[in-house]
Amino acid sequence: MATTVAAMKGKLGSTDYFIIAMKAKELVEKAIIPSEMPEWTNMTLEEKEKRDINYTRVKNQIAPYLASDKDRFFGAIILTAKNFDTSNFEPIADVATKGLPNLYKTQAQHMGFLTFTGGEELIPLDGQHRLKAIQFAIEGRDEKNRQIEGFSPSSELANEDVTVMLVPYNQKKSRKIFTKVNKYAKATTTGQNLVTDDDDIIAVLSRFIANDQNIIGSHLVNSKSNTLSVKDSRFTTLATLAECNEAILAAHFPEKIDRTNLPDTNKARLYKQKVFEVWEFLVENINWFSNLLEDKEETGDDKRCEIRTDYLLGKPVAQACLVKAFACLTTPETNLTYVEAANKLNAIDWRKDVSEWDRLFMSGGKIITKNRKLVTDILCYRAGQVLDEEKKGELLERYRALFPDDEKDKKELPPLL
């Protein structure tokens, strides 16, 4: 069945392309993702890997956004069209020749109407995740045609317009476009996502904590990196605040924290109240935190750098371990008060050159970030978390595994505080 759509024709390099708008339902009906093509079985492993779809991401992140957010929007999907030689583009200049001002005649050659005969095959070169997400959002079913639990499909989305960049099919050129578009596409960083995401409650709360002058202040939070250099005068990173806030909420709320959709107003208020309560306490009562934030102006920059040089709590990874341990210690299971937990954690010697950190958190003068879970668990144990003999034995084995065979049997857990 022939279909005519408004189109704009362009050319980049040696490639002609068309920009059109298609109804979302029509797009998912006409487009074929690579894994659904007959030639899929003959593709190389490399080709299949590059074209593989992360259906979990489609189902849990993109489709819910498209189905539920009235402000949904995304960029153009790039499709290549097989059997495109039967299609026909008719410029406006060829249709409306009379009375068309000279100023418009040149541009009118690039604007017009594109007619599909119905035999075209539309294959995504970029945007197949969005394409499947549109289908999931409209139908409420996944790639195996199973109903998606807790999901409300959007009938409105089916009739909305999706921008498409259409490229006539050429095997060599289409492969090159696909490779280049995907090779040079750069995913946003964790910090960028935390700065811009308004649907992730952890991101929202972390920005609140960072921006509050009474707690930290945005000028003392690095939002672009997950760590701080020795000469960086800031207190922490936004990624670290997010890691800590997720741990705080997980420790005090039994439900899994949904980071793709904001909770209801009452739940959001409780979440906010808890993280603010914890951070207000920590920056006043964890000694090295209060030292780092004693002077938040430029006059305090040198002191922050000096502390970071000699003390672990000047580094974001150690800050995260401490906050996670604090969250664990103040849960009903361990049931220390905030003051008791802070006193225990303050009693730890946080100097980098202390022997207790050797192999656990420090090696050759550098921090070992991969051991953060073990560091947190040992902090909890030392500060009073009660472990049965089996769990204590497991913790000891994990600790001993850090050392050479001729040393490990002699090692014991660091002493209780």
Protein backbone atom coordinates (compact mmCIF):
# COMPACT_ATOMS: atom_id res chain seq x y z
CA MET A 1 0.00 0.00 0.00
CA ALA A 2 1.45 3.35 -1.06
CA THR A 3 2.06 5.98 1.61
CA THR A 4 2.99 9.64 1.09
CA VAL A 5 4.71 11.74 3.74
CA ALA A 6 6.13 15.25 3.88
CA ALA A 7 9.91 15.15 3.57
CA MET A 8 13.04 17.27 3.38
CA LYS A 9 15.90 16.07 1.19
CA GLY A 10 19.54 16.65 2.10
CA LYS A 11 23.01 15.46 1.26
CA LEU A 12 26.02 14.94 3.49
CA GLY A 13 29.23 13.75 1.87
CA SER A 14 28.19 11.29 -0.79
CA THR A 15 25.00 10.27 0.99
CA ASP A 16 21.52 11.49 0.09
CA TYR A 17 19.04 11.34 2.95
CA PHE A 18 15.49 12.38 3.79
CA ILE A 19 14.06 13.74 7.02
CA ILE A 20 10.48 12.69 7.63
CA ALA A 21 8.02 12.29 10.50
CA MET A 22 6.26 8.96 10.95
CA LYS A 23 3.51 7.99 13.34
CA ALA A 24 5.01 5.86 16.10
CA LYS A 25 2.72 2.89 15.44
CA GLU A 26 3.44 2.97 11.71
CA LEU A 27 7.17 3.16 12.38
CA VAL A 28 7.30 0.03 14.55
CA GLU A 29 5.14 -1.84 12.05
CA LYS A 30 7.37 -0.98 9.08
CA ALA A 31 10.85 -1.09 10.64
CA ILE A 32 12.75 -4.35 11.09
CA ILE A 33 15.50 -4.61 13.69
CA PRO A 34 18.58 -6.57 12.48
CA SER A 35 17.95 -9.64 14.68
CA GLU A 36 14.55 -10.06 12.98
CA MET A 37 16.05 -10.02 9.47
CA PRO A 38 16.40 -13.29 7.50
CA GLU A 39 20.14 -12.71 7.03
CA TRP A 40 20.74 -12.46 10.80
CA THR A 41 21.95 -16.07 10.96
CA ASN A 42 24.65 -15.32 8.37
CA MET A 43 26.06 -12.27 10.14
CA THR A 44 29.45 -12.48 11.83
CA LEU A 45 29.76 -12.58 15.62
CA GLU A 46 31.10 -9.03 15.56
CA GLU A 47 28.13 -7.80 13.53
CA LYS A 48 25.66 -9.54 15.82
CA GLU A 49 27.30 -8.14 18.96
CA LYS A 50 27.13 -4.58 17.64
CA ARG A 51 23.46 -5.02 16.75
CA ASP A 52 22.40 -6.83 19.90
CA ILE A 53 19.63 -5.21 21.95
CA ASN A 54 19.67 -4.81 25.72
CA TYR A 55 16.03 -5.70 26.29
CA THR A 56 16.30 -5.17 30.05
CA ARG A 57 17.26 -1.55 29.45
CA VAL A 58 14.46 -1.17 26.90
CA LYS A 59 11.84 -2.63 29.23
CA ASN A 60 12.91 -1.07 32.52
CA GLN A 61 14.13 2.36 31.44
CA ILE A 62 13.22 3.60 27.97
CA ALA A 63 9.73 2.11 27.48
CA PRO A 64 8.40 3.35 30.87
CA TYR A 65 9.65 6.84 30.03
CA LEU A 66 7.92 6.83 26.64
CA ALA A 67 4.71 5.39 28.07
CA SER A 68 4.33 7.61 31.12
CA ASP A 69 6.14 10.92 30.58
CA LYS A 70 3.97 13.47 28.78
CA ASP A 71 7.11 15.47 27.97
CA ARG A 72 8.75 12.49 26.23
CA PHE A 73 11.17 13.39 23.48
CA PHE A 74 14.23 12.01 21.71
CA GLY A 75 16.33 12.61 18.61
CA ALA A 76 15.91 11.25 15.11
CA ILE A 77 16.10 7.52 14.40
CA ILE A 78 18.34 6.73 11.43
CA LEU A 79 16.86 4.12 9.09
CA THR A 80 18.18 2.65 5.88
CA ALA A 81 15.58 1.70 3.28
CA LYS A 82 15.96 -1.40 1.15
CA ASN A 83 14.02 -1.48 -2.16
CA PHE A 84 14.02 2.31 -2.02
CA ASP A 85 14.48 2.68 -5.77
CA THR A 86 10.73 2.25 -6.22
CA SER A 87 10.01 5.20 -3.90
CA ASN A 88 9.48 8.64 -5.32
CA PHE A 89 10.39 12.09 -4.01
CA GLU A 90 8.52 15.01 -5.55
CA PRO A 91 9.85 18.48 -4.63
CA ILE A 92 7.42 21.30 -3.93
CA ALA A 93 9.09 23.26 -6.73
CA ASP A 94 7.83 20.68 -9.22
CA VAL A 95 4.29 20.92 -7.90
CA ALA A 96 3.82 24.61 -7.08
CA THR A 97 5.60 26.47 -9.83
CA LYS A 98 3.20 29.35 -10.17
CA GLY A 99 3.45 32.29 -7.82
CA LEU A 100 6.37 30.85 -5.88
CA PRO A 101 8.71 33.73 -4.90
CA ASN A 102 12.27 33.44 -6.24
CA LEU A 103 13.55 33.52 -2.66
CA TYR A 104 11.84 30.18 -1.99
CA LYS A 105 12.49 28.36 -5.27
CA THR A 106 15.92 26.96 -4.36
CA GLN A 107 14.76 25.68 -0.98
CA ALA A 108 11.61 24.27 -2.56
CA GLN A 109 13.81 21.80 -4.45
CA HIS A 110 14.71 20.20 -1.10
CA MET A 111 11.21 20.12 0.40
CA GLY A 112 8.37 18.00 -0.85
CA PHE A 113 6.61 14.66 -0.62
CA LEU A 114 8.07 11.16 -0.43
CA THR A 115 5.90 8.25 -1.57
CA PHE A 116 6.56 4.71 -0.34
CA THR A 117 5.23 1.95 -2.58
CA GLY A 118 4.95 -0.51 0.30
CA GLY A 119 7.79 -2.83 -0.67
CA GLU A 120 10.51 -1.02 1.28
CA GLU A 121 12.34 -2.61 4.21
CA LEU A 122 13.28 -0.07 6.90
CA ILE A 123 16.24 -1.10 9.05
CA PRO A 124 17.66 1.00 11.93
CA LEU A 125 21.26 2.14 11.65
CA ASP A 126 20.91 4.07 14.90
CA GLY A 127 18.02 3.96 17.36
CA GLN A 128 16.96 0.31 17.55
CA HIS A 129 16.62 0.53 21.35
CA ARG A 130 14.27 3.48 20.98
CA LEU A 131 12.41 1.63 18.25
CA LYS A 132 11.74 -1.41 20.44
CA ALA A 133 10.92 0.84 23.39
CA ILE A 134 8.22 2.53 21.30
CA GLN A 135 6.77 -0.89 20.51
CA PHE A 136 6.87 -1.98 24.17
CA ALA A 137 5.32 1.32 25.28
CA ILE A 138 2.46 1.06 22.80
CA GLU A 139 1.71 -2.65 23.20
CA GLY A 140 2.66 -3.22 26.83
CA ARG A 141 4.40 -6.46 25.82
CA ASP A 142 8.07 -7.44 25.69
CA GLU A 143 10.20 -9.07 22.99
CA LYS A 144 8.66 -12.47 23.77
CA ASN A 145 5.15 -11.04 23.59
CA ARG A 146 4.73 -11.37 27.34
CA GLN A 147 2.73 -8.73 29.17
CA ILE A 148 5.06 -6.41 31.08
CA GLU A 149 4.15 -6.49 34.77
CA GLY A 150 3.17 -3.20 36.39
CA PHE A 151 3.25 -1.42 33.05
CA SER A 152 0.51 0.76 31.53
CA PRO A 153 0.81 0.99 27.72
CA SER A 154 0.29 4.35 26.00
CA SER A 155 -2.31 4.54 23.24
CA GLU A 156 -1.49 8.25 22.77
CA LEU A 157 2.10 7.45 21.80
CA ALA A 158 0.91 5.37 18.84
CA ASN A 159 -0.38 8.48 17.05
CA GLU A 160 2.52 10.79 17.87
CA ASP A 161 5.24 11.79 15.43
CA VAL A 162 8.75 10.33 15.46
CA THR A 163 11.52 12.02 13.47
CA VAL A 164 13.29 9.71 11.04
CA MET A 165 16.42 10.22 8.95
CA LEU A 166 16.02 7.91 5.97
CA VAL A 167 19.05 6.73 3.96
CA PRO A 168 18.64 4.71 0.73
CA TYR A 169 20.20 1.27 1.23
CA ASN A 170 23.70 0.52 0.04
CA GLN A 171 25.35 -2.46 1.74
CA LYS A 172 28.84 -1.01 2.06
CA LYS A 173 27.72 2.52 2.88
CA SER A 174 25.03 1.42 5.36
CA ARG A 175 27.56 -0.71 7.23
CA LYS A 176 29.97 2.23 7.40
CA ILE A 177 27.28 4.63 8.65
CA PHE A 178 26.23 2.15 11.33
CA THR A 179 29.81 1.62 12.47
CA LYS A 180 30.74 5.30 12.56
CA VAL A 181 27.54 6.49 14.25
CA ASN A 182 27.90 3.89 17.00
CA LYS A 183 31.68 4.20 17.31
CA TYR A 184 31.66 7.93 17.91
CA ALA A 185 28.49 8.07 19.98
CA LYS A 186 29.60 8.96 23.50
CA ALA A 187 27.57 7.85 26.46
CA THR A 188 26.92 10.45 29.12
CA THR A 189 29.01 10.09 32.26
CA THR A 190 27.68 9.16 35.69
CA GLY A 191 28.19 12.76 36.79
CA GLN A 192 26.31 14.16 33.79
CA ASN A 193 23.40 11.82 34.43
CA LEU A 194 23.25 12.83 38.08
CA VAL A 195 23.24 16.52 37.13
CA THR A 196 20.44 16.23 34.58
CA ASP A 197 18.22 13.29 35.61
CA ASP A 198 14.94 14.47 37.15
CA ASP A 199 13.39 10.98 37.30
CA ASP A 200 16.07 9.40 39.49
CA ILE A 201 15.28 10.16 43.14
CA ILE A 202 18.91 9.44 44.11
CA ALA A 203 20.15 12.02 41.59
CA VAL A 204 17.58 14.57 42.76
CA LEU A 205 18.44 14.12 46.44
CA SER A 206 22.18 14.18 45.74
CA ARG A 207 21.84 17.54 44.00
CA PHE A 208 19.85 18.85 46.96
CA ILE A 209 22.59 17.76 49.37
CA ALA A 210 25.32 19.22 47.18
CA ASN A 211 23.57 22.55 46.70
CA ASP A 212 22.67 23.10 50.37
CA GLN A 213 25.23 25.57 51.75
CA ASN A 214 24.51 24.46 55.29
CA ILE A 215 25.58 20.91 54.43
CA ILE A 216 28.23 21.13 51.69
CA GLY A 217 27.68 23.72 48.94
CA SER A 218 27.78 23.06 45.20
CA HIS A 219 31.20 24.72 44.74
CA LEU A 220 32.72 21.98 46.91
CA VAL A 221 31.25 19.08 44.89
CA ASN A 222 32.85 17.78 41.72
CA SER A 223 30.07 16.73 39.33
CA LYS A 224 32.31 15.69 36.46
CA SER A 225 34.53 13.03 38.02
CA ASN A 226 34.21 10.14 40.45
CA THR A 227 37.36 11.10 42.31
CA LEU A 228 39.41 14.10 43.43
CA SER A 229 43.05 14.77 42.71
CA VAL A 230 45.44 15.72 45.50
CA LYS A 231 45.27 19.36 44.41
CA ASP A 232 41.49 19.47 44.09
CA SER A 233 40.13 21.76 46.77
CA ARG A 234 36.61 20.35 46.80
CA PHE A 235 35.11 18.12 49.48
CA THR A 236 33.64 15.24 47.47
CA THR A 237 31.98 14.24 44.20
CA LEU A 238 28.35 14.09 43.12
CA ALA A 239 28.80 10.40 42.25
CA THR A 240 29.96 9.74 45.82
CA LEU A 241 26.95 11.54 47.26
CA ALA A 242 24.70 9.40 45.08
CA GLU A 243 26.46 6.20 46.19
CA CYS A 244 26.06 7.23 49.82
CA ASN A 245 22.43 8.31 49.49
CA GLU A 246 21.48 5.04 47.86
CA ALA A 247 23.05 3.19 50.79
CA ILE A 248 21.29 5.43 53.34
CA LEU A 249 17.87 4.82 51.79
CA ALA A 250 18.50 1.09 51.33
CA ALA A 251 19.42 0.80 55.02
CA HIS A 252 16.33 2.58 56.31
CA PHE A 253 13.60 1.69 53.80
CA PRO A 254 12.71 -1.93 53.05
CA GLU A 255 11.48 -1.38 49.48
CA LYS A 256 13.79 -1.38 46.46
CA ILE A 257 14.55 2.20 45.42
CA ASP A 258 13.25 2.85 41.90
CA ARG A 259 15.77 5.07 40.09
CA THR A 260 13.77 5.35 36.87
CA ASN A 261 10.59 6.98 38.18
CA LEU A 262 10.10 9.45 41.03
CA PRO A 263 8.19 8.09 44.04
CA ASP A 264 4.94 9.65 45.21
CA THR A 265 5.11 12.92 47.13
CA ASN A 266 4.92 11.38 50.60
CA LYS A 267 7.61 8.80 49.90
CA ALA A 268 9.87 11.42 48.31
CA ARG A 269 9.44 13.59 51.39
CA LEU A 270 10.48 10.71 53.67
CA TYR A 271 13.51 9.93 51.50
CA LYS A 272 14.57 13.57 51.50
CA GLN A 273 14.08 13.88 55.24
CA LYS A 274 16.26 10.84 55.91
CA VAL A 275 19.24 11.78 53.71
CA PHE A 276 19.19 15.36 55.00
CA GLU A 277 19.03 14.14 58.57
CA VAL A 278 22.02 11.84 58.05
CA TRP A 279 24.17 14.37 56.18
CA GLU A 280 23.42 17.21 58.59
CA PHE A 281 24.63 14.95 61.37
CA LEU A 282 27.69 13.61 59.53
CA VAL A 283 29.19 16.95 58.50
CA GLU A 284 28.98 18.13 62.10
CA ASN A 285 29.95 14.95 63.93
CA ILE A 286 32.45 13.05 61.77
CA ASN A 287 35.65 14.81 62.72
CA TRP A 288 37.38 14.78 59.36
CA PHE A 289 34.20 15.83 57.55
CA SER A 290 33.83 18.84 59.82
CA ASN A 291 37.54 19.65 59.38
CA LEU A 292 37.20 19.53 55.60
CA LEU A 293 34.15 21.79 55.70
CA GLU A 294 35.18 24.10 58.53
CA ASP A 295 36.02 26.86 56.06
CA LYS A 296 34.00 26.49 52.85
CA GLU A 297 35.54 29.53 51.18
CA GLU A 298 38.75 29.71 49.14
CA THR A 299 40.66 30.29 52.36
CA GLY A 300 39.90 26.66 53.27
CA ASP A 301 41.10 25.18 49.98
CA ASP A 302 44.68 24.53 51.10
CA LYS A 303 43.51 22.76 54.24
CA ARG A 304 41.27 20.42 52.22
CA CYS A 305 44.20 19.57 49.96
CA GLU A 306 46.47 18.94 52.93
CA ILE A 307 43.96 16.61 54.54
CA ARG A 308 43.50 14.71 51.29
CA THR A 309 47.25 14.19 51.07
CA ASP A 310 47.55 12.44 54.44
CA TYR A 311 44.11 11.16 55.41
CA LEU A 312 41.81 8.66 53.71
CA LEU A 313 38.65 10.62 54.50
CA GLY A 314 39.86 13.35 52.18
CA LYS A 315 39.17 10.90 49.32
CA PRO A 316 35.62 10.23 48.05
CA VAL A 317 35.99 6.43 48.06
CA ALA A 318 36.79 6.41 51.78
CA GLN A 319 33.97 8.86 52.46
CA ALA A 320 31.57 6.46 50.76
CA CYS A 321 32.80 3.54 52.87
CA LEU A 322 32.33 5.51 56.07
CA VAL A 323 28.81 6.68 55.18
CA LYS A 324 27.78 3.17 54.15
CA ALA A 325 29.13 1.82 57.43
CA PHE A 326 27.28 4.55 59.35
CA ALA A 327 24.04 3.64 57.55
CA CYS A 328 24.56 -0.03 58.42
CA LEU A 329 25.39 0.65 62.06
CA THR A 330 22.27 2.78 62.61
CA THR A 331 19.77 0.27 61.21
CA PRO A 332 17.50 -1.59 63.66
CA GLU A 333 19.65 -4.73 63.27
CA THR A 334 22.73 -3.09 64.81
CA ASN A 335 20.79 -0.27 66.46
CA LEU A 336 23.54 2.13 67.39
CA THR A 337 22.50 5.73 67.86
CA TYR A 338 23.89 8.31 65.49
CA VAL A 339 26.21 9.55 68.22
CA GLU A 340 27.44 6.05 69.10
CA ALA A 341 28.11 5.21 65.44
CA ALA A 342 29.96 8.49 64.87
CA ASN A 343 32.10 8.01 67.97
CA LYS A 344 33.11 4.54 66.81
CA LEU A 345 34.01 5.71 63.30
CA ASN A 346 35.88 8.73 64.67
CA ALA A 347 37.99 6.38 66.79
CA ILE A 348 39.47 4.82 63.65
CA ASP A 349 42.89 6.07 62.62
CA TRP A 350 42.25 7.40 59.10
CA ARG A 351 45.88 8.22 58.29
CA LYS A 352 46.92 6.64 55.01
CA ASP A 353 50.17 5.20 56.37
CA VAL A 354 48.58 3.22 59.22
CA SER A 355 49.44 -0.48 58.93
CA GLU A 356 45.82 -1.57 59.30
CA TRP A 357 45.09 -0.16 55.82
CA ASP A 358 47.92 -2.08 54.15
CA ARG A 359 46.55 -4.27 51.34
CA LEU A 360 43.02 -3.44 52.50
CA PHE A 361 42.82 0.17 51.37
CA MET A 362 46.38 1.18 50.51
CA SER A 363 49.12 -0.32 48.35
CA GLY A 364 52.29 1.46 47.31
CA GLY A 365 50.87 4.79 48.45
CA LYS A 366 47.74 4.41 46.31
CA ILE A 367 44.17 3.71 47.34
CA ILE A 368 42.73 0.32 46.35
CA THR A 369 39.22 1.22 45.24
CA LYS A 370 38.17 -2.34 44.38
CA ASN A 371 38.12 -3.29 48.09
CA ARG A 372 35.48 -0.76 49.10
CA LYS A 373 32.87 -3.43 49.98
CA LEU A 374 35.34 -5.27 52.19
CA VAL A 375 36.47 -1.99 53.79
CA THR A 376 32.85 -1.12 54.59
CA ASP A 377 32.17 -4.57 56.07
CA ILE A 378 35.29 -4.39 58.26
CA LEU A 379 34.35 -0.89 59.43
CA CYS A 380 30.94 -2.20 60.46
CA TYR A 381 32.50 -5.16 62.27
CA ARG A 382 35.03 -3.02 64.12
CA ALA A 383 32.36 -0.49 65.14
CA GLY A 384 30.03 -3.04 66.71
CA GLN A 385 28.03 -4.93 64.11
CA VAL A 386 27.35 -8.34 65.65
CA LEU A 387 28.38 -11.25 63.42
CA ASP A 388 27.90 -14.94 64.15
CA GLU A 389 30.95 -17.19 63.96
CA GLU A 390 30.22 -18.24 60.38
CA LYS A 391 29.93 -14.69 59.05
CA LYS A 392 32.94 -13.57 61.06
CA GLY A 393 34.91 -16.46 59.56
CA GLU A 394 33.83 -15.47 56.05
CA LEU A 395 34.92 -11.87 56.69
CA LEU A 396 38.29 -13.08 57.97
CA GLU A 397 38.81 -15.23 54.86
CA ARG A 398 38.03 -12.29 52.60
CA TYR A 399 40.55 -10.20 54.53
CA ARG A 400 43.25 -12.87 54.48
CA ALA A 401 42.82 -13.30 50.72
CA LEU A 402 44.45 -9.87 50.30
CA PHE A 403 47.81 -11.17 51.51
CA PRO A 404 50.46 -13.57 50.12
CA ASP A 405 50.14 -17.24 51.05
CA ASP A 406 53.01 -17.09 53.51
CA GLU A 407 51.32 -14.25 55.44
CA LYS A 408 47.59 -14.84 55.25
CA ASP A 409 47.26 -17.48 58.00
CA LYS A 410 48.88 -15.12 60.50
CA LYS A 411 46.48 -12.27 59.75
CA GLU A 412 43.56 -11.44 62.01
CA LEU A 413 40.82 -8.90 61.53
CA PRO A 414 41.67 -5.35 62.69
CA PRO A 415 40.75 -4.87 66.37
CA LEU A 416 37.31 -3.87 67.60
CA LEU A 417 36.91 -0.24 68.63
